[in-house]
Structures are given as structure tokens and as C-alpha cells.
Amino acid sequence: MKWLDCLGDICPVPIMKLQRELGSMESGEHVMLVTDHSCTLSSTREFCAIYGLRLEAAEALPGVWEIEITKA
């Protein structure tokens, strides 16, 4: 699994990083995006819905989310 450290990044930077990472991934591969901004969780959900990507998210620590995205 690949990791994207987006701690401290504000929108749209995490989505831009995710788009770049997805470009180098094969179908079925996973990336874990870690963020401390709740707006990133919302925008990542919207992005994944548009592009048919699977998303699972959990608040790993108070105010820190781990978002696992699987490329379709």
C-alpha cells in the first residue's frame, strides 16, 4: 500500500496529490491518505464517487483521518 502524507495540507492540495498518485497505480492497488483537515475527507469522498473509487475512512486519532482509496 502506498502512503500520502497530507498532514497540514489544505484543499485542494490533498486531492492533487491523490490524482498524481493514482496515475501511477494499477487497478486494485491501494493508497492511504492521512490528513488532519476534515474538509479533505469530504472532498475525497466526492472525488472517489465521481471516479468510481472505493473509499474507507477512519479517524485514527482525534482530528486525524486515514482514508484508504482503492483504484478501480
PDB file of N, CA and C in Angstrom:
ATOM      1  N   MET A   1       0.849  -1.175   0.000  1.00  0.00           N
ATOM      2  CA  MET A   1       0.000   0.000   0.000  1.00  0.00           C
ATOM      3  C   MET A   1       0.895   1.238   0.000  1.00  0.00           C
ATOM      4  N   LYS A   2       0.492   2.218  -0.772  1.00  0.00           N
ATOM      5  CA  LYS A   2       1.209   3.489  -0.831  1.00  0.00           C
ATOM      6  C   LYS A   2       0.633   4.429   0.226  1.00  0.00           C
ATOM      7  N   TRP A   3       1.449   5.376   0.682  1.00  0.00           N
ATOM      8  CA  TRP A   3       1.029   6.343   1.694  1.00  0.00           C
ATOM      9  C   TRP A   3       1.155   7.757   1.155  1.00  0.00           C
ATOM     10  N   LEU A   4       0.155   8.586   1.444  1.00  0.00           N
ATOM     11  CA  LEU A   4       0.203  10.010   1.114  1.00  0.00           C
ATOM     12  C   LEU A   4       0.082  10.798   2.412  1.00  0.00           C
ATOM     13  N   ASP A   5       1.122  11.488   2.784  1.00  0.00           N
ATOM     14  CA  ASP A   5       1.108  12.318   3.980  1.00  0.00           C
ATOM     15  C   ASP A   5       0.570  13.692   3.600  1.00  0.00           C
ATOM     16  N   CYS A   6      -0.653  13.961   4.011  1.00  0.00           N
ATOM     17  CA  CYS A   6      -1.282  15.247   3.710  1.00  0.00           C
ATOM     18  C   CYS A   6      -1.531  16.043   4.989  1.00  0.00           C
ATOM     19  N   LEU A   7      -0.820  15.697   6.055  1.00  0.00           N
ATOM     20  CA  LEU A   7      -0.959  16.435   7.306  1.00  0.00           C
ATOM     21  C   LEU A   7      -0.520  17.877   7.082  1.00  0.00           C
ATOM     22  N   GLY A   8      -1.388  18.801   7.451  1.00  0.00           N
ATOM     23  CA  GLY A   8      -1.092  20.220   7.281  1.00  0.00           C
ATOM     24  C   GLY A   8      -1.464  20.777   5.922  1.00  0.00           C
ATOM     25  N   ASP A   9      -1.792  19.906   4.963  1.00  0.00           N
ATOM     26  CA  ASP A   9      -2.186  20.371   3.628  1.00  0.00           C
ATOM     27  C   ASP A   9      -3.650  20.796   3.641  1.00  0.00           C
ATOM     28  N   ILE A  10      -3.947  21.911   2.976  1.00  0.00           N
ATOM     29  CA  ILE A  10      -5.335  22.350   2.853  1.00  0.00           C
ATOM     30  C   ILE A  10      -5.811  22.090   1.426  1.00  0.00           C
ATOM     31  N   CYS A  11      -7.125  21.998   1.269  1.00  0.00           N
ATOM     32  CA  CYS A  11      -7.713  21.730  -0.046  1.00  0.00           C
ATOM     33  C   CYS A  11      -7.342  22.857  -1.005  1.00  0.00           C
ATOM     34  N   PRO A  12      -7.048  22.513  -2.228  1.00  0.00           N
ATOM     35  CA  PRO A  12      -7.185  21.231  -2.918  1.00  0.00           C
ATOM     36  C   PRO A  12      -5.904  20.391  -2.971  1.00  0.00           C
ATOM     37  N   VAL A  13      -4.890  20.724  -2.184  1.00  0.00           N
ATOM     38  CA  VAL A  13      -3.601  20.031  -2.269  1.00  0.00           C
ATOM     39  C   VAL A  13      -3.725  18.513  -2.090  1.00  0.00           C
ATOM     40  N   PRO A  14      -4.469  17.999  -1.087  1.00  0.00           N
ATOM     41  CA  PRO A  14      -4.556  16.543  -0.948  1.00  0.00           C
ATOM     42  C   PRO A  14      -5.164  15.850  -2.175  1.00  0.00           C
ATOM     43  N   ILE A  15      -6.157  16.465  -2.795  1.00  0.00           N
ATOM     44  CA  ILE A  15      -6.766  15.876  -3.992  1.00  0.00           C
ATOM     45  C   ILE A  15      -5.770  15.889  -5.142  1.00  0.00           C
ATOM     46  N   MET A  16      -4.988  16.932  -5.257  1.00  0.00           N
ATOM     47  CA  MET A  16      -3.970  16.991  -6.312  1.00  0.00           C
ATOM     48  C   MET A  16      -2.918  15.903  -6.100  1.00  0.00           C
ATOM     49  N   LYS A  17      -2.502  15.699  -4.857  1.00  0.00           N
ATOM     50  CA  LYS A  17      -1.545  14.628  -4.550  1.00  0.00           C
ATOM     51  C   LYS A  17      -2.151  13.265  -4.869  1.00  0.00           C
ATOM     52  N   LEU A  18      -3.428  13.080  -4.530  1.00  0.00           N
ATOM     53  CA  LEU A  18      -4.109  11.814  -4.798  1.00  0.00           C
ATOM     54  C   LEU A  18      -4.200  11.554  -6.298  1.00  0.00           C
ATOM     55  N   GLN A  19      -4.568  12.556  -7.072  1.00  0.00           N
ATOM     56  CA  GLN A  19      -4.650  12.398  -8.528  1.00  0.00           C
ATOM     57  C   GLN A  19      -3.310  11.966  -9.106  1.00  0.00           C
ATOM     58  N   ARG A  20      -2.241  12.590  -8.659  1.00  0.00           N
ATOM     59  CA  ARG A  20      -0.900  12.255  -9.145  1.00  0.00           C
ATOM     60  C   ARG A  20      -0.546  10.804  -8.793  1.00  0.00           C
ATOM     61  N   GLU A  21      -0.845  10.398  -7.568  1.00  0.00           N
ATOM     62  CA  GLU A  21      -0.531   9.040  -7.114  1.00  0.00           C
ATOM     63  C   GLU A  21      -1.353   8.005  -7.874  1.00  0.00           C
ATOM     64  N   LEU A  22      -2.630   8.287  -8.103  1.00  0.00           N
ATOM     65  CA  LEU A  22      -3.492   7.348  -8.827  1.00  0.00           C
ATOM     66  C   LEU A  22      -2.993   7.114 -10.246  1.00  0.00           C
ATOM     67  N   GLY A  23      -2.367   8.115 -10.837  1.00  0.00           N
ATOM     68  CA  GLY A  23      -1.841   7.982 -12.195  1.00  0.00           C
ATOM     69  C   GLY A  23      -0.769   6.924 -12.321  1.00  0.00           C
ATOM     70  N   SER A  24      -0.071   6.632 -11.238  1.00  0.00           N
ATOM     71  CA  SER A  24       1.000   5.633 -11.281  1.00  0.00           C
ATOM     72  C   SER A  24       0.577   4.291 -10.689  1.00  0.00           C
ATOM     73  N   MET A  25      -0.697   4.152 -10.355  1.00  0.00           N
ATOM     74  CA  MET A  25      -1.182   2.923  -9.720  1.00  0.00           C
ATOM     75  C   MET A  25      -1.915   2.033 -10.709  1.00  0.00           C
ATOM     76  N   GLU A  26      -1.888   0.733 -10.433  1.00  0.00           N
ATOM     77  CA  GLU A  26      -2.640  -0.253 -11.204  1.00  0.00           C
ATOM     78  C   GLU A  26      -4.000  -0.470 -10.546  1.00  0.00           C
ATOM     79  N   SER A  27      -4.933  -1.000 -11.309  1.00  0.00           N
ATOM     80  CA  SER A  27      -6.248  -1.337 -10.782  1.00  0.00           C
ATOM     81  C   SER A  27      -6.100  -2.319  -9.621  1.00  0.00           C
ATOM     82  N   GLY A  28      -6.828  -2.070  -8.540  1.00  0.00           N
ATOM     83  CA  GLY A  28      -6.781  -2.932  -7.368  1.00  0.00           C
ATOM     84  C   GLY A  28      -5.769  -2.506  -6.318  1.00  0.00           C
ATOM     85  N   GLU A  29      -4.868  -1.574  -6.660  1.00  0.00           N
ATOM     86  CA  GLU A  29      -3.890  -1.094  -5.684  1.00  0.00           C
ATOM     87  C   GLU A  29      -4.545  -0.091  -4.734  1.00  0.00           C
ATOM     88  N   HIS A  30      -3.946   0.050  -3.559  1.00  0.00           N
ATOM     89  CA  HIS A  30      -4.483   0.920  -2.514  1.00  0.00           C
ATOM     90  C   HIS A  30      -3.514   2.053  -2.204  1.00  0.00           C
ATOM     91  N   VAL A  31      -4.076   3.166  -1.770  1.00  0.00           N
ATOM     92  CA  VAL A  31      -3.273   4.273  -1.245  1.00  0.00           C
ATOM     93  C   VAL A  31      -3.941   4.742   0.049  1.00  0.00           C
ATOM     94  N   MET A  32      -3.136   5.025   1.056  1.00  0.00           N
ATOM     95  CA  MET A  32      -3.632   5.541   2.327  1.00  0.00           C
ATOM     96  C   MET A  32      -3.282   7.021   2.399  1.00  0.00           C
ATOM     97  N   LEU A  33      -4.306   7.852   2.433  1.00  0.00           N
ATOM     98  CA  LEU A  33      -4.134   9.296   2.549  1.00  0.00           C
ATOM     99  C   LEU A  33      -4.372   9.665   4.011  1.00  0.00           C
ATOM    100  N   VAL A  34      -3.415  10.326   4.628  1.00  0.00           N
ATOM    101  CA  VAL A  34      -3.528  10.736   6.028  1.00  0.00           C
ATOM    102  C   VAL A  34      -3.664  12.251   6.068  1.00  0.00           C
ATOM    103  N   THR A  35      -4.698  12.726   6.753  1.00  0.00           N
ATOM    104  CA  THR A  35      -4.988  14.163   6.770  1.00  0.00           C
ATOM    105  C   THR A  35      -5.457  14.611   8.149  1.00  0.00           C
ATOM    106  N   ASP A  36      -5.275  15.879   8.413  1.00  0.00           N
ATOM    107  CA  ASP A  36      -5.784  16.461   9.654  1.00  0.00           C
ATOM    108  C   ASP A  36      -6.800  17.577   9.372  1.00  0.00           C
ATOM    109  N   HIS A  37      -7.358  17.571   8.169  1.00  0.00           N
ATOM    110  CA  HIS A  37      -8.387  18.552   7.800  1.00  0.00           C
ATOM    111  C   HIS A  37      -9.659  17.809   7.394  1.00  0.00           C
ATOM    112  N   SER A  38     -10.745  18.058   8.107  1.00  0.00           N
ATOM    113  CA  SER A  38     -11.997  17.353   7.825  1.00  0.00           C
ATOM    114  C   SER A  38     -12.525  17.651   6.429  1.00  0.00           C
ATOM    115  N   CYS A  39     -12.217  18.821   5.875  1.00  0.00           N
ATOM    116  CA  CYS A  39     -12.684  19.144   4.522  1.00  0.00           C
ATOM    117  C   CYS A  39     -12.053  18.204   3.494  1.00  0.00           C
ATOM    118  N   THR A  40     -10.858  17.694   3.781  1.00  0.00           N
ATOM    119  CA  THR A  40     -10.213  16.747   2.868  1.00  0.00           C
ATOM    120  C   THR A  40     -11.012  15.458   2.797  1.00  0.00           C
ATOM    121  N   LEU A  41     -11.558  15.015   3.915  1.00  0.00           N
ATOM    122  CA  LEU A  41     -12.386  13.806   3.919  1.00  0.00           C
ATOM    123  C   LEU A  41     -13.600  14.004   3.015  1.00  0.00           C
ATOM    124  N   SER A  42     -14.264  15.136   3.131  1.00  0.00           N
ATOM    125  CA  SER A  42     -15.437  15.422   2.295  1.00  0.00           C
ATOM    126  C   SER A  42     -15.077  15.485   0.818  1.00  0.00           C
ATOM    127  N   SER A  43     -14.019  16.205   0.488  1.00  0.00           N
ATOM    128  CA  SER A  43     -13.651  16.349  -0.923  1.00  0.00           C
ATOM    129  C   SER A  43     -13.133  15.033  -1.498  1.00  0.00           C
ATOM    130  N   THR A  44     -12.481  14.217  -0.684  1.00  0.00           N
ATOM    131  CA  THR A  44     -12.007  12.912  -1.157  1.00  0.00           C
ATOM    132  C   THR A  44     -13.184  11.983  -1.421  1.00  0.00           C
ATOM    133  N   ARG A  45     -14.202  12.036  -0.578  1.00  0.00           N
ATOM    134  CA  ARG A  45     -15.412  11.225  -0.810  1.00  0.00           C
ATOM    135  C   ARG A  45     -16.064  11.613  -2.141  1.00  0.00           C
ATOM    136  N   GLU A  46     -16.178  12.901  -2.392  1.00  0.00           N
ATOM    137  CA  GLU A  46     -16.773  13.373  -3.648  1.00  0.00           C
ATOM    138  C   GLU A  46     -15.931  12.934  -4.845  1.00  0.00           C
ATOM    139  N   PHE A  47     -14.623  13.095  -4.747  1.00  0.00           N
ATOM    140  CA  PHE A  47     -13.701  12.708  -5.814  1.00  0.00           C
ATOM    141  C   PHE A  47     -13.836  11.213  -6.119  1.00  0.00           C
ATOM    142  N   CYS A  48     -13.862  10.397  -5.080  1.00  0.00           N
ATOM    143  CA  CYS A  48     -13.957   8.946  -5.268  1.00  0.00           C
ATOM    144  C   CYS A  48     -15.301   8.545  -5.874  1.00  0.00           C
ATOM    145  N   ALA A  49     -16.367   9.210  -5.480  1.00  0.00           N
ATOM    146  CA  ALA A  49     -17.683   8.915  -6.050  1.00  0.00           C
ATOM    147  C   ALA A  49     -17.710   9.238  -7.542  1.00  0.00           C
ATOM    148  N   ILE A  50     -17.114  10.339  -7.928  1.00  0.00           N
ATOM    149  CA  ILE A  50     -17.084  10.744  -9.336  1.00  0.00           C
ATOM    150  C   ILE A  50     -16.297   9.754 -10.179  1.00  0.00           C
ATOM    151  N   TYR A  51     -15.156   9.281  -9.653  1.00  0.00           N
ATOM    152  CA  TYR A  51     -14.262   8.418 -10.432  1.00  0.00           C
ATOM    153  C   TYR A  51     -14.420   6.929 -10.138  1.00  0.00           C
ATOM    154  N   GLY A  52     -15.423   6.558  -9.361  1.00  0.00           N
ATOM    155  CA  GLY A  52     -15.698   5.150  -9.111  1.00  0.00           C
ATOM    156  C   GLY A  52     -14.630   4.442  -8.293  1.00  0.00           C
ATOM    157  N   LEU A  53     -14.029   5.155  -7.362  1.00  0.00           N
ATOM    158  CA  LEU A  53     -13.002   4.583  -6.498  1.00  0.00           C
ATOM    159  C   LEU A  53     -13.627   4.162  -5.174  1.00  0.00           C
ATOM    160  N   ARG A  54     -13.085   3.106  -4.584  1.00  0.00           N
ATOM    161  CA  ARG A  54     -13.584   2.666  -3.281  1.00  0.00           C
ATOM    162  C   ARG A  54     -12.854   3.426  -2.180  1.00  0.00           C
ATOM    163  N   LEU A  55     -13.590   3.846  -1.168  1.00  0.00           N
ATOM    164  CA  LEU A  55     -13.019   4.634  -0.082  1.00  0.00           C
ATOM    165  C   LEU A  55     -13.462   4.066   1.252  1.00  0.00           C
ATOM    166  N   GLU A  56     -12.514   3.922   2.167  1.00  0.00           N
ATOM    167  CA  GLU A  56     -12.803   3.584   3.556  1.00  0.00           C
ATOM    168  C   GLU A  56     -12.047   4.583   4.408  1.00  0.00           C
ATOM    169  N   ALA A  57     -12.721   5.164   5.392  1.00  0.00           N
ATOM    170  CA  ALA A  57     -12.083   6.191   6.214  1.00  0.00           C
ATOM    171  C   ALA A  57     -12.311   5.906   7.689  1.00  0.00           C
ATOM    172  N   ALA A  58     -11.327   6.286   8.485  1.00  0.00           N
ATOM    173  CA  ALA A  58     -11.433   6.154   9.933  1.00  0.00           C
ATOM    174  C   ALA A  58     -10.673   7.302  10.580  1.00  0.00           C
ATOM    175  N   GLU A  59     -11.198   7.756  11.714  1.00  0.00           N
ATOM    176  CA  GLU A  59     -10.493   8.781  12.480  1.00  0.00           C
ATOM    177  C   GLU A  59      -9.511   8.050  13.391  1.00  0.00           C
ATOM    178  N   ALA A  60      -8.253   7.998  12.973  1.00  0.00           N
ATOM    179  CA  ALA A  60      -7.217   7.231  13.673  1.00  0.00           C
ATOM    180  C   ALA A  60      -6.873   7.849  15.026  1.00  0.00           C
ATOM    181  N   LEU A  61      -6.835   9.149  15.065  1.00  0.00           N
ATOM    182  CA  LEU A  61      -6.596   9.934  16.278  1.00  0.00           C
ATOM    183  C   LEU A  61      -7.569  11.102  16.234  1.00  0.00           C
ATOM    184  N   PRO A  62      -7.851  11.736  17.355  1.00  0.00           N
ATOM    185  CA  PRO A  62      -8.738  12.893  17.300  1.00  0.00           C
ATOM    186  C   PRO A  62      -8.215  13.937  16.299  1.00  0.00           C
ATOM    187  N   GLY A  63      -9.012  14.180  15.271  1.00  0.00           N
ATOM    188  CA  GLY A  63      -8.653  15.173  14.263  1.00  0.00           C
ATOM    189  C   GLY A  63      -7.703  14.696  13.183  1.00  0.00           C
ATOM    190  N   VAL A  64      -7.411  13.397  13.145  1.00  0.00           N
ATOM    191  CA  VAL A  64      -6.536  12.827  12.107  1.00  0.00           C
ATOM    192  C   VAL A  64      -7.262  11.652  11.464  1.00  0.00           C
ATOM    193  N   TRP A  65      -7.431  11.720  10.149  1.00  0.00           N
ATOM    194  CA  TRP A  65      -8.148  10.686   9.420  1.00  0.00           C
ATOM    195  C   TRP A  65      -7.211   9.902   8.516  1.00  0.00           C
ATOM    196  N   GLU A  66      -7.447   8.595   8.448  1.00  0.00           N
ATOM    197  CA  GLU A  66      -6.778   7.720   7.494  1.00  0.00           C
ATOM    198  C   GLU A  66      -7.824   7.333   6.460  1.00  0.00           C
ATOM    199  N   ILE A  67      -7.560   7.665   5.215  1.00  0.00           N
ATOM    200  CA  ILE A  67      -8.506   7.418   4.132  1.00  0.00           C
ATOM    201  C   ILE A  67      -7.853   6.444   3.164  1.00  0.00           C
ATOM    202  N   GLU A  68      -8.406   5.229   3.090  1.00  0.00           N
ATOM    203  CA  GLU A  68      -7.868   4.223   2.174  1.00  0.00           C
ATOM    204  C   GLU A  68      -8.675   4.257   0.885  1.00  0.00           C
ATOM    205  N   ILE A  69      -7.985   4.463  -0.221  1.00  0.00           N
ATOM    206  CA  ILE A  69      -8.618   4.538  -1.535  1.00  0.00           C
ATOM    207  C   ILE A  69      -8.098   3.382  -2.371  1.00  0.00           C
ATOM    208  N   THR A  70      -9.023   2.666  -3.026  1.00  0.00           N
ATOM    209  CA  THR A  70      -8.661   1.561  -3.900  1.00  0.00           C
ATOM    210  C   THR A  70      -8.986   1.956  -5.327  1.00  0.00           C
ATOM    211  N   LYS A  71      -7.985   1.827  -6.211  1.00  0.00           N
ATOM    212  CA  LYS A  71      -8.188   2.172  -7.616  1.00  0.00           C
ATOM    213  C   LYS A  71      -9.015   1.086  -8.285  1.00  0.00           C
ATOM    214  N   ALA A  72     -10.010   1.511  -9.036  1.00  0.00           N
ATOM    215  CA  ALA A  72     -10.904   0.574  -9.727  1.00  0.00           C
ATOM    216  C   ALA A  72     -10.231  -0.009 -10.951  1.00  0.00           C
TER     217      ALA A  72
END
